[in-house]
Amino acid sequence: GGYVNRPGFWQGGIGVAACWYGGAT
């Protein structure tokens, strides 16, 4: 359960959002 129960899980999810932003630019 450590993979999802850590701060970095949600931080990594925003990293994907940064890629979506980059693709849009």
PDBML (XML) file of the C-alpha atoms, coordinates in Angstrom:
<?xml version="1.0" encoding="UTF-8" ?>
<PDBx:datablock datablockName="MODEL"
   xmlns:PDBx="http://pdbml.pdb.org/schema/pdbx-v50.xsd"
   xmlns:xsi="http://www.w3.org/2001/XMLSchema-instance"
   xsi:schemaLocation="http://pdbml.pdb.org/schema/pdbx-v50.xsd pdbx-v50.xsd">
   <PDBx:atom_siteCategory>
      <PDBx:atom_site id="1">
         <PDBx:B_iso_or_equiv>0.00</PDBx:B_iso_or_equiv>
         <PDBx:Cartn_x>0.000</PDBx:Cartn_x>
         <PDBx:Cartn_y>0.000</PDBx:Cartn_y>
         <PDBx:Cartn_z>0.000</PDBx:Cartn_z>
         <PDBx:auth_asym_id>A</PDBx:auth_asym_id>
         <PDBx:auth_atom_id>CA</PDBx:auth_atom_id>
         <PDBx:auth_comp_id>GLY</PDBx:auth_comp_id>
         <PDBx:auth_seq_id>1</PDBx:auth_seq_id>
         <PDBx:group_PDB>ATOM</PDBx:group_PDB>
         <PDBx:label_alt_id xsi:nil="true" />
         <PDBx:label_asym_id>A</PDBx:label_asym_id>
         <PDBx:label_atom_id>CA</PDBx:label_atom_id>
         <PDBx:label_comp_id>GLY</PDBx:label_comp_id>
         <PDBx:label_entity_id>1</PDBx:label_entity_id>
         <PDBx:label_seq_id>1</PDBx:label_seq_id>
         <PDBx:occupancy>1.00</PDBx:occupancy>
         <PDBx:pdbx_PDB_model_num>1</PDBx:pdbx_PDB_model_num>
         <PDBx:type_symbol>C</PDBx:type_symbol>
      </PDBx:atom_site>
      <PDBx:atom_site id="2">
         <PDBx:B_iso_or_equiv>0.00</PDBx:B_iso_or_equiv>
         <PDBx:Cartn_x>2.981</PDBx:Cartn_x>
         <PDBx:Cartn_y>2.327</PDBx:Cartn_y>
         <PDBx:Cartn_z>0.199</PDBx:Cartn_z>
         <PDBx:auth_asym_id>A</PDBx:auth_asym_id>
         <PDBx:auth_atom_id>CA</PDBx:auth_atom_id>
         <PDBx:auth_comp_id>GLY</PDBx:auth_comp_id>
         <PDBx:auth_seq_id>2</PDBx:auth_seq_id>
         <PDBx:group_PDB>ATOM</PDBx:group_PDB>
         <PDBx:label_alt_id xsi:nil="true" />
         <PDBx:label_asym_id>A</PDBx:label_asym_id>
         <PDBx:label_atom_id>CA</PDBx:label_atom_id>
         <PDBx:label_comp_id>GLY</PDBx:label_comp_id>
         <PDBx:label_entity_id>1</PDBx:label_entity_id>
         <PDBx:label_seq_id>2</PDBx:label_seq_id>
         <PDBx:occupancy>1.00</PDBx:occupancy>
         <PDBx:pdbx_PDB_model_num>1</PDBx:pdbx_PDB_model_num>
         <PDBx:type_symbol>C</PDBx:type_symbol>
      </PDBx:atom_site>
      <PDBx:atom_site id="3">
         <PDBx:B_iso_or_equiv>0.00</PDBx:B_iso_or_equiv>
         <PDBx:Cartn_x>2.844</PDBx:Cartn_x>
         <PDBx:Cartn_y>3.310</PDBx:Cartn_y>
         <PDBx:Cartn_z>-3.469</PDBx:Cartn_z>
         <PDBx:auth_asym_id>A</PDBx:auth_asym_id>
         <PDBx:auth_atom_id>CA</PDBx:auth_atom_id>
         <PDBx:auth_comp_id>TYR</PDBx:auth_comp_id>
         <PDBx:auth_seq_id>3</PDBx:auth_seq_id>
         <PDBx:group_PDB>ATOM</PDBx:group_PDB>
         <PDBx:label_alt_id xsi:nil="true" />
         <PDBx:label_asym_id>A</PDBx:label_asym_id>
         <PDBx:label_atom_id>CA</PDBx:label_atom_id>
         <PDBx:label_comp_id>TYR</PDBx:label_comp_id>
         <PDBx:label_entity_id>1</PDBx:label_entity_id>
         <PDBx:label_seq_id>3</PDBx:label_seq_id>
         <PDBx:occupancy>1.00</PDBx:occupancy>
         <PDBx:pdbx_PDB_model_num>1</PDBx:pdbx_PDB_model_num>
         <PDBx:type_symbol>C</PDBx:type_symbol>
      </PDBx:atom_site>
      <PDBx:atom_site id="4">
         <PDBx:B_iso_or_equiv>0.00</PDBx:B_iso_or_equiv>
         <PDBx:Cartn_x>-0.511</PDBx:Cartn_x>
         <PDBx:Cartn_y>5.074</PDBx:Cartn_y>
         <PDBx:Cartn_z>-3.191</PDBx:Cartn_z>
         <PDBx:auth_asym_id>A</PDBx:auth_asym_id>
         <PDBx:auth_atom_id>CA</PDBx:auth_atom_id>
         <PDBx:auth_comp_id>VAL</PDBx:auth_comp_id>
         <PDBx:auth_seq_id>4</PDBx:auth_seq_id>
         <PDBx:group_PDB>ATOM</PDBx:group_PDB>
         <PDBx:label_alt_id xsi:nil="true" />
         <PDBx:label_asym_id>A</PDBx:label_asym_id>
         <PDBx:label_atom_id>CA</PDBx:label_atom_id>
         <PDBx:label_comp_id>VAL</PDBx:label_comp_id>
         <PDBx:label_entity_id>1</PDBx:label_entity_id>
         <PDBx:label_seq_id>4</PDBx:label_seq_id>
         <PDBx:occupancy>1.00</PDBx:occupancy>
         <PDBx:pdbx_PDB_model_num>1</PDBx:pdbx_PDB_model_num>
         <PDBx:type_symbol>C</PDBx:type_symbol>
      </PDBx:atom_site>
      <PDBx:atom_site id="5">
         <PDBx:B_iso_or_equiv>0.00</PDBx:B_iso_or_equiv>
         <PDBx:Cartn_x>-0.300</PDBx:Cartn_x>
         <PDBx:Cartn_y>6.085</PDBx:Cartn_y>
         <PDBx:Cartn_z>0.470</PDBx:Cartn_z>
         <PDBx:auth_asym_id>A</PDBx:auth_asym_id>
         <PDBx:auth_atom_id>CA</PDBx:auth_atom_id>
         <PDBx:auth_comp_id>ASN</PDBx:auth_comp_id>
         <PDBx:auth_seq_id>5</PDBx:auth_seq_id>
         <PDBx:group_PDB>ATOM</PDBx:group_PDB>
         <PDBx:label_alt_id xsi:nil="true" />
         <PDBx:label_asym_id>A</PDBx:label_asym_id>
         <PDBx:label_atom_id>CA</PDBx:label_atom_id>
         <PDBx:label_comp_id>ASN</PDBx:label_comp_id>
         <PDBx:label_entity_id>1</PDBx:label_entity_id>
         <PDBx:label_seq_id>5</PDBx:label_seq_id>
         <PDBx:occupancy>1.00</PDBx:occupancy>
         <PDBx:pdbx_PDB_model_num>1</PDBx:pdbx_PDB_model_num>
         <PDBx:type_symbol>C</PDBx:type_symbol>
      </PDBx:atom_site>
      <PDBx:atom_site id="6">
         <PDBx:B_iso_or_equiv>0.00</PDBx:B_iso_or_equiv>
         <PDBx:Cartn_x>2.508</PDBx:Cartn_x>
         <PDBx:Cartn_y>8.608</PDBx:Cartn_y>
         <PDBx:Cartn_z>0.066</PDBx:Cartn_z>
         <PDBx:auth_asym_id>A</PDBx:auth_asym_id>
         <PDBx:auth_atom_id>CA</PDBx:auth_atom_id>
         <PDBx:auth_comp_id>ARG</PDBx:auth_comp_id>
         <PDBx:auth_seq_id>6</PDBx:auth_seq_id>
         <PDBx:group_PDB>ATOM</PDBx:group_PDB>
         <PDBx:label_alt_id xsi:nil="true" />
         <PDBx:label_asym_id>A</PDBx:label_asym_id>
         <PDBx:label_atom_id>CA</PDBx:label_atom_id>
         <PDBx:label_comp_id>ARG</PDBx:label_comp_id>
         <PDBx:label_entity_id>1</PDBx:label_entity_id>
         <PDBx:label_seq_id>6</PDBx:label_seq_id>
         <PDBx:occupancy>1.00</PDBx:occupancy>
         <PDBx:pdbx_PDB_model_num>1</PDBx:pdbx_PDB_model_num>
         <PDBx:type_symbol>C</PDBx:type_symbol>
      </PDBx:atom_site>
      <PDBx:atom_site id="7">
         <PDBx:B_iso_or_equiv>0.00</PDBx:B_iso_or_equiv>
         <PDBx:Cartn_x>2.691</PDBx:Cartn_x>
         <PDBx:Cartn_y>12.320</PDBx:Cartn_y>
         <PDBx:Cartn_z>-0.769</PDBx:Cartn_z>
         <PDBx:auth_asym_id>A</PDBx:auth_asym_id>
         <PDBx:auth_atom_id>CA</PDBx:auth_atom_id>
         <PDBx:auth_comp_id>PRO</PDBx:auth_comp_id>
         <PDBx:auth_seq_id>7</PDBx:auth_seq_id>
         <PDBx:group_PDB>ATOM</PDBx:group_PDB>
         <PDBx:label_alt_id xsi:nil="true" />
         <PDBx:label_asym_id>A</PDBx:label_asym_id>
         <PDBx:label_atom_id>CA</PDBx:label_atom_id>
         <PDBx:label_comp_id>PRO</PDBx:label_comp_id>
         <PDBx:label_entity_id>1</PDBx:label_entity_id>
         <PDBx:label_seq_id>7</PDBx:label_seq_id>
         <PDBx:occupancy>1.00</PDBx:occupancy>
         <PDBx:pdbx_PDB_model_num>1</PDBx:pdbx_PDB_model_num>
         <PDBx:type_symbol>C</PDBx:type_symbol>
      </PDBx:atom_site>
      <PDBx:atom_site id="8">
         <PDBx:B_iso_or_equiv>0.00</PDBx:B_iso_or_equiv>
         <PDBx:Cartn_x>4.550</PDBx:Cartn_x>
         <PDBx:Cartn_y>11.608</PDBx:Cartn_y>
         <PDBx:Cartn_z>-3.996</PDBx:Cartn_z>
         <PDBx:auth_asym_id>A</PDBx:auth_asym_id>
         <PDBx:auth_atom_id>CA</PDBx:auth_atom_id>
         <PDBx:auth_comp_id>GLY</PDBx:auth_comp_id>
         <PDBx:auth_seq_id>8</PDBx:auth_seq_id>
         <PDBx:group_PDB>ATOM</PDBx:group_PDB>
         <PDBx:label_alt_id xsi:nil="true" />
         <PDBx:label_asym_id>A</PDBx:label_asym_id>
         <PDBx:label_atom_id>CA</PDBx:label_atom_id>
         <PDBx:label_comp_id>GLY</PDBx:label_comp_id>
         <PDBx:label_entity_id>1</PDBx:label_entity_id>
         <PDBx:label_seq_id>8</PDBx:label_seq_id>
         <PDBx:occupancy>1.00</PDBx:occupancy>
         <PDBx:pdbx_PDB_model_num>1</PDBx:pdbx_PDB_model_num>
         <PDBx:type_symbol>C</PDBx:type_symbol>
      </PDBx:atom_site>
      <PDBx:atom_site id="9">
         <PDBx:B_iso_or_equiv>0.00</PDBx:B_iso_or_equiv>
         <PDBx:Cartn_x>1.587</PDBx:Cartn_x>
         <PDBx:Cartn_y>9.745</PDBx:Cartn_y>
         <PDBx:Cartn_z>-5.466</PDBx:Cartn_z>
         <PDBx:auth_asym_id>A</PDBx:auth_asym_id>
         <PDBx:auth_atom_id>CA</PDBx:auth_atom_id>
         <PDBx:auth_comp_id>PHE</PDBx:auth_comp_id>
         <PDBx:auth_seq_id>9</PDBx:auth_seq_id>
         <PDBx:group_PDB>ATOM</PDBx:group_PDB>
         <PDBx:label_alt_id xsi:nil="true" />
         <PDBx:label_asym_id>A</PDBx:label_asym_id>
         <PDBx:label_atom_id>CA</PDBx:label_atom_id>
         <PDBx:label_comp_id>PHE</PDBx:label_comp_id>
         <PDBx:label_entity_id>1</PDBx:label_entity_id>
         <PDBx:label_seq_id>9</PDBx:label_seq_id>
         <PDBx:occupancy>1.00</PDBx:occupancy>
         <PDBx:pdbx_PDB_model_num>1</PDBx:pdbx_PDB_model_num>
         <PDBx:type_symbol>C</PDBx:type_symbol>
      </PDBx:atom_site>
      <PDBx:atom_site id="10">
         <PDBx:B_iso_or_equiv>0.00</PDBx:B_iso_or_equiv>
         <PDBx:Cartn_x>-0.358</PDBx:Cartn_x>
         <PDBx:Cartn_y>12.973</PDBx:Cartn_y>
         <PDBx:Cartn_z>-5.812</PDBx:Cartn_z>
         <PDBx:auth_asym_id>A</PDBx:auth_asym_id>
         <PDBx:auth_atom_id>CA</PDBx:auth_atom_id>
         <PDBx:auth_comp_id>TRP</PDBx:auth_comp_id>
         <PDBx:auth_seq_id>10</PDBx:auth_seq_id>
         <PDBx:group_PDB>ATOM</PDBx:group_PDB>
         <PDBx:label_alt_id xsi:nil="true" />
         <PDBx:label_asym_id>A</PDBx:label_asym_id>
         <PDBx:label_atom_id>CA</PDBx:label_atom_id>
         <PDBx:label_comp_id>TRP</PDBx:label_comp_id>
         <PDBx:label_entity_id>1</PDBx:label_entity_id>
         <PDBx:label_seq_id>10</PDBx:label_seq_id>
         <PDBx:occupancy>1.00</PDBx:occupancy>
         <PDBx:pdbx_PDB_model_num>1</PDBx:pdbx_PDB_model_num>
         <PDBx:type_symbol>C</PDBx:type_symbol>
      </PDBx:atom_site>
      <PDBx:atom_site id="11">
         <PDBx:B_iso_or_equiv>0.00</PDBx:B_iso_or_equiv>
         <PDBx:Cartn_x>2.730</PDBx:Cartn_x>
         <PDBx:Cartn_y>14.997</PDBx:Cartn_y>
         <PDBx:Cartn_z>-6.644</PDBx:Cartn_z>
         <PDBx:auth_asym_id>A</PDBx:auth_asym_id>
         <PDBx:auth_atom_id>CA</PDBx:auth_atom_id>
         <PDBx:auth_comp_id>GLN</PDBx:auth_comp_id>
         <PDBx:auth_seq_id>11</PDBx:auth_seq_id>
         <PDBx:group_PDB>ATOM</PDBx:group_PDB>
         <PDBx:label_alt_id xsi:nil="true" />
         <PDBx:label_asym_id>A</PDBx:label_asym_id>
         <PDBx:label_atom_id>CA</PDBx:label_atom_id>
         <PDBx:label_comp_id>GLN</PDBx:label_comp_id>
         <PDBx:label_entity_id>1</PDBx:label_entity_id>
         <PDBx:label_seq_id>11</PDBx:label_seq_id>
         <PDBx:occupancy>1.00</PDBx:occupancy>
         <PDBx:pdbx_PDB_model_num>1</PDBx:pdbx_PDB_model_num>
         <PDBx:type_symbol>C</PDBx:type_symbol>
      </PDBx:atom_site>
      <PDBx:atom_site id="12">
         <PDBx:B_iso_or_equiv>0.00</PDBx:B_iso_or_equiv>
         <PDBx:Cartn_x>3.448</PDBx:Cartn_x>
         <PDBx:Cartn_y>12.624</PDBx:Cartn_y>
         <PDBx:Cartn_z>-9.523</PDBx:Cartn_z>
         <PDBx:auth_asym_id>A</PDBx:auth_asym_id>
         <PDBx:auth_atom_id>CA</PDBx:auth_atom_id>
         <PDBx:auth_comp_id>GLY</PDBx:auth_comp_id>
         <PDBx:auth_seq_id>12</PDBx:auth_seq_id>
         <PDBx:group_PDB>ATOM</PDBx:group_PDB>
         <PDBx:label_alt_id xsi:nil="true" />
         <PDBx:label_asym_id>A</PDBx:label_asym_id>
         <PDBx:label_atom_id>CA</PDBx:label_atom_id>
         <PDBx:label_comp_id>GLY</PDBx:label_comp_id>
         <PDBx:label_entity_id>1</PDBx:label_entity_id>
         <PDBx:label_seq_id>12</PDBx:label_seq_id>
         <PDBx:occupancy>1.00</PDBx:occupancy>
         <PDBx:pdbx_PDB_model_num>1</PDBx:pdbx_PDB_model_num>
         <PDBx:type_symbol>C</PDBx:type_symbol>
      </PDBx:atom_site>
      <PDBx:atom_site id="13">
         <PDBx:B_iso_or_equiv>0.00</PDBx:B_iso_or_equiv>
         <PDBx:Cartn_x>-0.131</PDBx:Cartn_x>
         <PDBx:Cartn_y>12.999</PDBx:Cartn_y>
         <PDBx:Cartn_z>-10.719</PDBx:Cartn_z>
         <PDBx:auth_asym_id>A</PDBx:auth_asym_id>
         <PDBx:auth_atom_id>CA</PDBx:auth_atom_id>
         <PDBx:auth_comp_id>GLY</PDBx:auth_comp_id>
         <PDBx:auth_seq_id>13</PDBx:auth_seq_id>
         <PDBx:group_PDB>ATOM</PDBx:group_PDB>
         <PDBx:label_alt_id xsi:nil="true" />
         <PDBx:label_asym_id>A</PDBx:label_asym_id>
         <PDBx:label_atom_id>CA</PDBx:label_atom_id>
         <PDBx:label_comp_id>GLY</PDBx:label_comp_id>
         <PDBx:label_entity_id>1</PDBx:label_entity_id>
         <PDBx:label_seq_id>13</PDBx:label_seq_id>
         <PDBx:occupancy>1.00</PDBx:occupancy>
         <PDBx:pdbx_PDB_model_num>1</PDBx:pdbx_PDB_model_num>
         <PDBx:type_symbol>C</PDBx:type_symbol>
      </PDBx:atom_site>
      <PDBx:atom_site id="14">
         <PDBx:B_iso_or_equiv>0.00</PDBx:B_iso_or_equiv>
         <PDBx:Cartn_x>0.450</PDBx:Cartn_x>
         <PDBx:Cartn_y>16.721</PDBx:Cartn_y>
         <PDBx:Cartn_z>-11.148</PDBx:Cartn_z>
         <PDBx:auth_asym_id>A</PDBx:auth_asym_id>
         <PDBx:auth_atom_id>CA</PDBx:auth_atom_id>
         <PDBx:auth_comp_id>ILE</PDBx:auth_comp_id>
         <PDBx:auth_seq_id>14</PDBx:auth_seq_id>
         <PDBx:group_PDB>ATOM</PDBx:group_PDB>
         <PDBx:label_alt_id xsi:nil="true" />
         <PDBx:label_asym_id>A</PDBx:label_asym_id>
         <PDBx:label_atom_id>CA</PDBx:label_atom_id>
         <PDBx:label_comp_id>ILE</PDBx:label_comp_id>
         <PDBx:label_entity_id>1</PDBx:label_entity_id>
         <PDBx:label_seq_id>14</PDBx:label_seq_id>
         <PDBx:occupancy>1.00</PDBx:occupancy>
         <PDBx:pdbx_PDB_model_num>1</PDBx:pdbx_PDB_model_num>
         <PDBx:type_symbol>C</PDBx:type_symbol>
      </PDBx:atom_site>
      <PDBx:atom_site id="15">
         <PDBx:B_iso_or_equiv>0.00</PDBx:B_iso_or_equiv>
         <PDBx:Cartn_x>3.579</PDBx:Cartn_x>
         <PDBx:Cartn_y>15.911</PDBx:Cartn_y>
         <PDBx:Cartn_z>-13.144</PDBx:Cartn_z>
         <PDBx:auth_asym_id>A</PDBx:auth_asym_id>
         <PDBx:auth_atom_id>CA</PDBx:auth_atom_id>
         <PDBx:auth_comp_id>GLY</PDBx:auth_comp_id>
         <PDBx:auth_seq_id>15</PDBx:auth_seq_id>
         <PDBx:group_PDB>ATOM</PDBx:group_PDB>
         <PDBx:label_alt_id xsi:nil="true" />
         <PDBx:label_asym_id>A</PDBx:label_asym_id>
         <PDBx:label_atom_id>CA</PDBx:label_atom_id>
         <PDBx:label_comp_id>GLY</PDBx:label_comp_id>
         <PDBx:label_entity_id>1</PDBx:label_entity_id>
         <PDBx:label_seq_id>15</PDBx:label_seq_id>
         <PDBx:occupancy>1.00</PDBx:occupancy>
         <PDBx:pdbx_PDB_model_num>1</PDBx:pdbx_PDB_model_num>
         <PDBx:type_symbol>C</PDBx:type_symbol>
      </PDBx:atom_site>
      <PDBx:atom_site id="16">
         <PDBx:B_iso_or_equiv>0.00</PDBx:B_iso_or_equiv>
         <PDBx:Cartn_x>1.272</PDBx:Cartn_x>
         <PDBx:Cartn_y>14.257</PDBx:Cartn_y>
         <PDBx:Cartn_z>-15.668</PDBx:Cartn_z>
         <PDBx:auth_asym_id>A</PDBx:auth_asym_id>
         <PDBx:auth_atom_id>CA</PDBx:auth_atom_id>
         <PDBx:auth_comp_id>VAL</PDBx:auth_comp_id>
         <PDBx:auth_seq_id>16</PDBx:auth_seq_id>
         <PDBx:group_PDB>ATOM</PDBx:group_PDB>
         <PDBx:label_alt_id xsi:nil="true" />
         <PDBx:label_asym_id>A</PDBx:label_asym_id>
         <PDBx:label_atom_id>CA</PDBx:label_atom_id>
         <PDBx:label_comp_id>VAL</PDBx:label_comp_id>
         <PDBx:label_entity_id>1</PDBx:label_entity_id>
         <PDBx:label_seq_id>16</PDBx:label_seq_id>
         <PDBx:occupancy>1.00</PDBx:occupancy>
         <PDBx:pdbx_PDB_model_num>1</PDBx:pdbx_PDB_model_num>
         <PDBx:type_symbol>C</PDBx:type_symbol>
      </PDBx:atom_site>
      <PDBx:atom_site id="17">
         <PDBx:B_iso_or_equiv>0.00</PDBx:B_iso_or_equiv>
         <PDBx:Cartn_x>-0.829</PDBx:Cartn_x>
         <PDBx:Cartn_y>17.425</PDBx:Cartn_y>
         <PDBx:Cartn_z>-15.707</PDBx:Cartn_z>
         <PDBx:auth_asym_id>A</PDBx:auth_asym_id>
         <PDBx:auth_atom_id>CA</PDBx:auth_atom_id>
         <PDBx:auth_comp_id>ALA</PDBx:auth_comp_id>
         <PDBx:auth_seq_id>17</PDBx:auth_seq_id>
         <PDBx:group_PDB>ATOM</PDBx:group_PDB>
         <PDBx:label_alt_id xsi:nil="true" />
         <PDBx:label_asym_id>A</PDBx:label_asym_id>
         <PDBx:label_atom_id>CA</PDBx:label_atom_id>
         <PDBx:label_comp_id>ALA</PDBx:label_comp_id>
         <PDBx:label_entity_id>1</PDBx:label_entity_id>
         <PDBx:label_seq_id>17</PDBx:label_seq_id>
         <PDBx:occupancy>1.00</PDBx:occupancy>
         <PDBx:pdbx_PDB_model_num>1</PDBx:pdbx_PDB_model_num>
         <PDBx:type_symbol>C</PDBx:type_symbol>
      </PDBx:atom_site>
      <PDBx:atom_site id="18">
         <PDBx:B_iso_or_equiv>0.00</PDBx:B_iso_or_equiv>
         <PDBx:Cartn_x>2.320</PDBx:Cartn_x>
         <PDBx:Cartn_y>19.408</PDBx:Cartn_y>
         <PDBx:Cartn_z>-16.539</PDBx:Cartn_z>
         <PDBx:auth_asym_id>A</PDBx:auth_asym_id>
         <PDBx:auth_atom_id>CA</PDBx:auth_atom_id>
         <PDBx:auth_comp_id>ALA</PDBx:auth_comp_id>
         <PDBx:auth_seq_id>18</PDBx:auth_seq_id>
         <PDBx:group_PDB>ATOM</PDBx:group_PDB>
         <PDBx:label_alt_id xsi:nil="true" />
         <PDBx:label_asym_id>A</PDBx:label_asym_id>
         <PDBx:label_atom_id>CA</PDBx:label_atom_id>
         <PDBx:label_comp_id>ALA</PDBx:label_comp_id>
         <PDBx:label_entity_id>1</PDBx:label_entity_id>
         <PDBx:label_seq_id>18</PDBx:label_seq_id>
         <PDBx:occupancy>1.00</PDBx:occupancy>
         <PDBx:pdbx_PDB_model_num>1</PDBx:pdbx_PDB_model_num>
         <PDBx:type_symbol>C</PDBx:type_symbol>
      </PDBx:atom_site>
      <PDBx:atom_site id="19">
         <PDBx:B_iso_or_equiv>0.00</PDBx:B_iso_or_equiv>
         <PDBx:Cartn_x>2.770</PDBx:Cartn_x>
         <PDBx:Cartn_y>17.137</PDBx:Cartn_y>
         <PDBx:Cartn_z>-19.547</PDBx:Cartn_z>
         <PDBx:auth_asym_id>A</PDBx:auth_asym_id>
         <PDBx:auth_atom_id>CA</PDBx:auth_atom_id>
         <PDBx:auth_comp_id>CYS</PDBx:auth_comp_id>
         <PDBx:auth_seq_id>19</PDBx:auth_seq_id>
         <PDBx:group_PDB>ATOM</PDBx:group_PDB>
         <PDBx:label_alt_id xsi:nil="true" />
         <PDBx:label_asym_id>A</PDBx:label_asym_id>
         <PDBx:label_atom_id>CA</PDBx:label_atom_id>
         <PDBx:label_comp_id>CYS</PDBx:label_comp_id>
         <PDBx:label_entity_id>1</PDBx:label_entity_id>
         <PDBx:label_seq_id>19</PDBx:label_seq_id>
         <PDBx:occupancy>1.00</PDBx:occupancy>
         <PDBx:pdbx_PDB_model_num>1</PDBx:pdbx_PDB_model_num>
         <PDBx:type_symbol>C</PDBx:type_symbol>
      </PDBx:atom_site>
      <PDBx:atom_site id="20">
         <PDBx:B_iso_or_equiv>0.00</PDBx:B_iso_or_equiv>
         <PDBx:Cartn_x>-0.816</PDBx:Cartn_x>
         <PDBx:Cartn_y>17.748</PDBx:Cartn_y>
         <PDBx:Cartn_z>-20.630</PDBx:Cartn_z>
         <PDBx:auth_asym_id>A</PDBx:auth_asym_id>
         <PDBx:auth_atom_id>CA</PDBx:auth_atom_id>
         <PDBx:auth_comp_id>TRP</PDBx:auth_comp_id>
         <PDBx:auth_seq_id>20</PDBx:auth_seq_id>
         <PDBx:group_PDB>ATOM</PDBx:group_PDB>
         <PDBx:label_alt_id xsi:nil="true" />
         <PDBx:label_asym_id>A</PDBx:label_asym_id>
         <PDBx:label_atom_id>CA</PDBx:label_atom_id>
         <PDBx:label_comp_id>TRP</PDBx:label_comp_id>
         <PDBx:label_entity_id>1</PDBx:label_entity_id>
         <PDBx:label_seq_id>20</PDBx:label_seq_id>
         <PDBx:occupancy>1.00</PDBx:occupancy>
         <PDBx:pdbx_PDB_model_num>1</PDBx:pdbx_PDB_model_num>
         <PDBx:type_symbol>C</PDBx:type_symbol>
      </PDBx:atom_site>
      <PDBx:atom_site id="21">
         <PDBx:B_iso_or_equiv>0.00</PDBx:B_iso_or_equiv>
         <PDBx:Cartn_x>-0.115</PDBx:Cartn_x>
         <PDBx:Cartn_y>21.471</PDBx:Cartn_y>
         <PDBx:Cartn_z>-20.402</PDBx:Cartn_z>
         <PDBx:auth_asym_id>A</PDBx:auth_asym_id>
         <PDBx:auth_atom_id>CA</PDBx:auth_atom_id>
         <PDBx:auth_comp_id>TYR</PDBx:auth_comp_id>
         <PDBx:auth_seq_id>21</PDBx:auth_seq_id>
         <PDBx:group_PDB>ATOM</PDBx:group_PDB>
         <PDBx:label_alt_id xsi:nil="true" />
         <PDBx:label_asym_id>A</PDBx:label_asym_id>
         <PDBx:label_atom_id>CA</PDBx:label_atom_id>
         <PDBx:label_comp_id>TYR</PDBx:label_comp_id>
         <PDBx:label_entity_id>1</PDBx:label_entity_id>
         <PDBx:label_seq_id>21</PDBx:label_seq_id>
         <PDBx:occupancy>1.00</PDBx:occupancy>
         <PDBx:pdbx_PDB_model_num>1</PDBx:pdbx_PDB_model_num>
         <PDBx:type_symbol>C</PDBx:type_symbol>
      </PDBx:atom_site>
      <PDBx:atom_site id="22">
         <PDBx:B_iso_or_equiv>0.00</PDBx:B_iso_or_equiv>
         <PDBx:Cartn_x>3.047</PDBx:Cartn_x>
         <PDBx:Cartn_y>21.037</PDBx:Cartn_y>
         <PDBx:Cartn_z>-22.469</PDBx:Cartn_z>
         <PDBx:auth_asym_id>A</PDBx:auth_asym_id>
         <PDBx:auth_atom_id>CA</PDBx:auth_atom_id>
         <PDBx:auth_comp_id>GLY</PDBx:auth_comp_id>
         <PDBx:auth_seq_id>22</PDBx:auth_seq_id>
         <PDBx:group_PDB>ATOM</PDBx:group_PDB>
         <PDBx:label_alt_id xsi:nil="true" />
         <PDBx:label_asym_id>A</PDBx:label_asym_id>
         <PDBx:label_atom_id>CA</PDBx:label_atom_id>
         <PDBx:label_comp_id>GLY</PDBx:label_comp_id>
         <PDBx:label_entity_id>1</PDBx:label_entity_id>
         <PDBx:label_seq_id>22</PDBx:label_seq_id>
         <PDBx:occupancy>1.00</PDBx:occupancy>
         <PDBx:pdbx_PDB_model_num>1</PDBx:pdbx_PDB_model_num>
         <PDBx:type_symbol>C</PDBx:type_symbol>
      </PDBx:atom_site>
      <PDBx:atom_site id="23">
         <PDBx:B_iso_or_equiv>0.00</PDBx:B_iso_or_equiv>
         <PDBx:Cartn_x>1.210</PDBx:Cartn_x>
         <PDBx:Cartn_y>19.080</PDBx:Cartn_y>
         <PDBx:Cartn_z>-25.135</PDBx:Cartn_z>
         <PDBx:auth_asym_id>A</PDBx:auth_asym_id>
         <PDBx:auth_atom_id>CA</PDBx:auth_atom_id>
         <PDBx:auth_comp_id>GLY</PDBx:auth_comp_id>
         <PDBx:auth_seq_id>23</PDBx:auth_seq_id>
         <PDBx:group_PDB>ATOM</PDBx:group_PDB>
         <PDBx:label_alt_id xsi:nil="true" />
         <PDBx:label_asym_id>A</PDBx:label_asym_id>
         <PDBx:label_atom_id>CA</PDBx:label_atom_id>
         <PDBx:label_comp_id>GLY</PDBx:label_comp_id>
         <PDBx:label_entity_id>1</PDBx:label_entity_id>
         <PDBx:label_seq_id>23</PDBx:label_seq_id>
         <PDBx:occupancy>1.00</PDBx:occupancy>
         <PDBx:pdbx_PDB_model_num>1</PDBx:pdbx_PDB_model_num>
         <PDBx:type_symbol>C</PDBx:type_symbol>
      </PDBx:atom_site>
      <PDBx:atom_site id="24">
         <PDBx:B_iso_or_equiv>0.00</PDBx:B_iso_or_equiv>
         <PDBx:Cartn_x>-1.413</PDBx:Cartn_x>
         <PDBx:Cartn_y>21.815</PDBx:Cartn_y>
         <PDBx:Cartn_z>-25.312</PDBx:Cartn_z>
         <PDBx:auth_asym_id>A</PDBx:auth_asym_id>
         <PDBx:auth_atom_id>CA</PDBx:auth_atom_id>
         <PDBx:auth_comp_id>ALA</PDBx:auth_comp_id>
         <PDBx:auth_seq_id>24</PDBx:auth_seq_id>
         <PDBx:group_PDB>ATOM</PDBx:group_PDB>
         <PDBx:label_alt_id xsi:nil="true" />
         <PDBx:label_asym_id>A</PDBx:label_asym_id>
         <PDBx:label_atom_id>CA</PDBx:label_atom_id>
         <PDBx:label_comp_id>ALA</PDBx:label_comp_id>
         <PDBx:label_entity_id>1</PDBx:label_entity_id>
         <PDBx:label_seq_id>24</PDBx:label_seq_id>
         <PDBx:occupancy>1.00</PDBx:occupancy>
         <PDBx:pdbx_PDB_model_num>1</PDBx:pdbx_PDB_model_num>
         <PDBx:type_symbol>C</PDBx:type_symbol>
      </PDBx:atom_site>
      <PDBx:atom_site id="25">
         <PDBx:B_iso_or_equiv>0.00</PDBx:B_iso_or_equiv>
         <PDBx:Cartn_x>1.236</PDBx:Cartn_x>
         <PDBx:Cartn_y>24.489</PDBx:Cartn_y>
         <PDBx:Cartn_z>-25.850</PDBx:Cartn_z>
         <PDBx:auth_asym_id>A</PDBx:auth_asym_id>
         <PDBx:auth_atom_id>CA</PDBx:auth_atom_id>
         <PDBx:auth_comp_id>THR</PDBx:auth_comp_id>
         <PDBx:auth_seq_id>25</PDBx:auth_seq_id>
         <PDBx:group_PDB>ATOM</PDBx:group_PDB>
         <PDBx:label_alt_id xsi:nil="true" />
         <PDBx:label_asym_id>A</PDBx:label_asym_id>
         <PDBx:label_atom_id>CA</PDBx:label_atom_id>
         <PDBx:label_comp_id>THR</PDBx:label_comp_id>
         <PDBx:label_entity_id>1</PDBx:label_entity_id>
         <PDBx:label_seq_id>25</PDBx:label_seq_id>
         <PDBx:occupancy>1.00</PDBx:occupancy>
         <PDBx:pdbx_PDB_model_num>1</PDBx:pdbx_PDB_model_num>
         <PDBx:type_symbol>C</PDBx:type_symbol>
      </PDBx:atom_site>
   </PDBx:atom_siteCategory>
</PDBx:datablock>
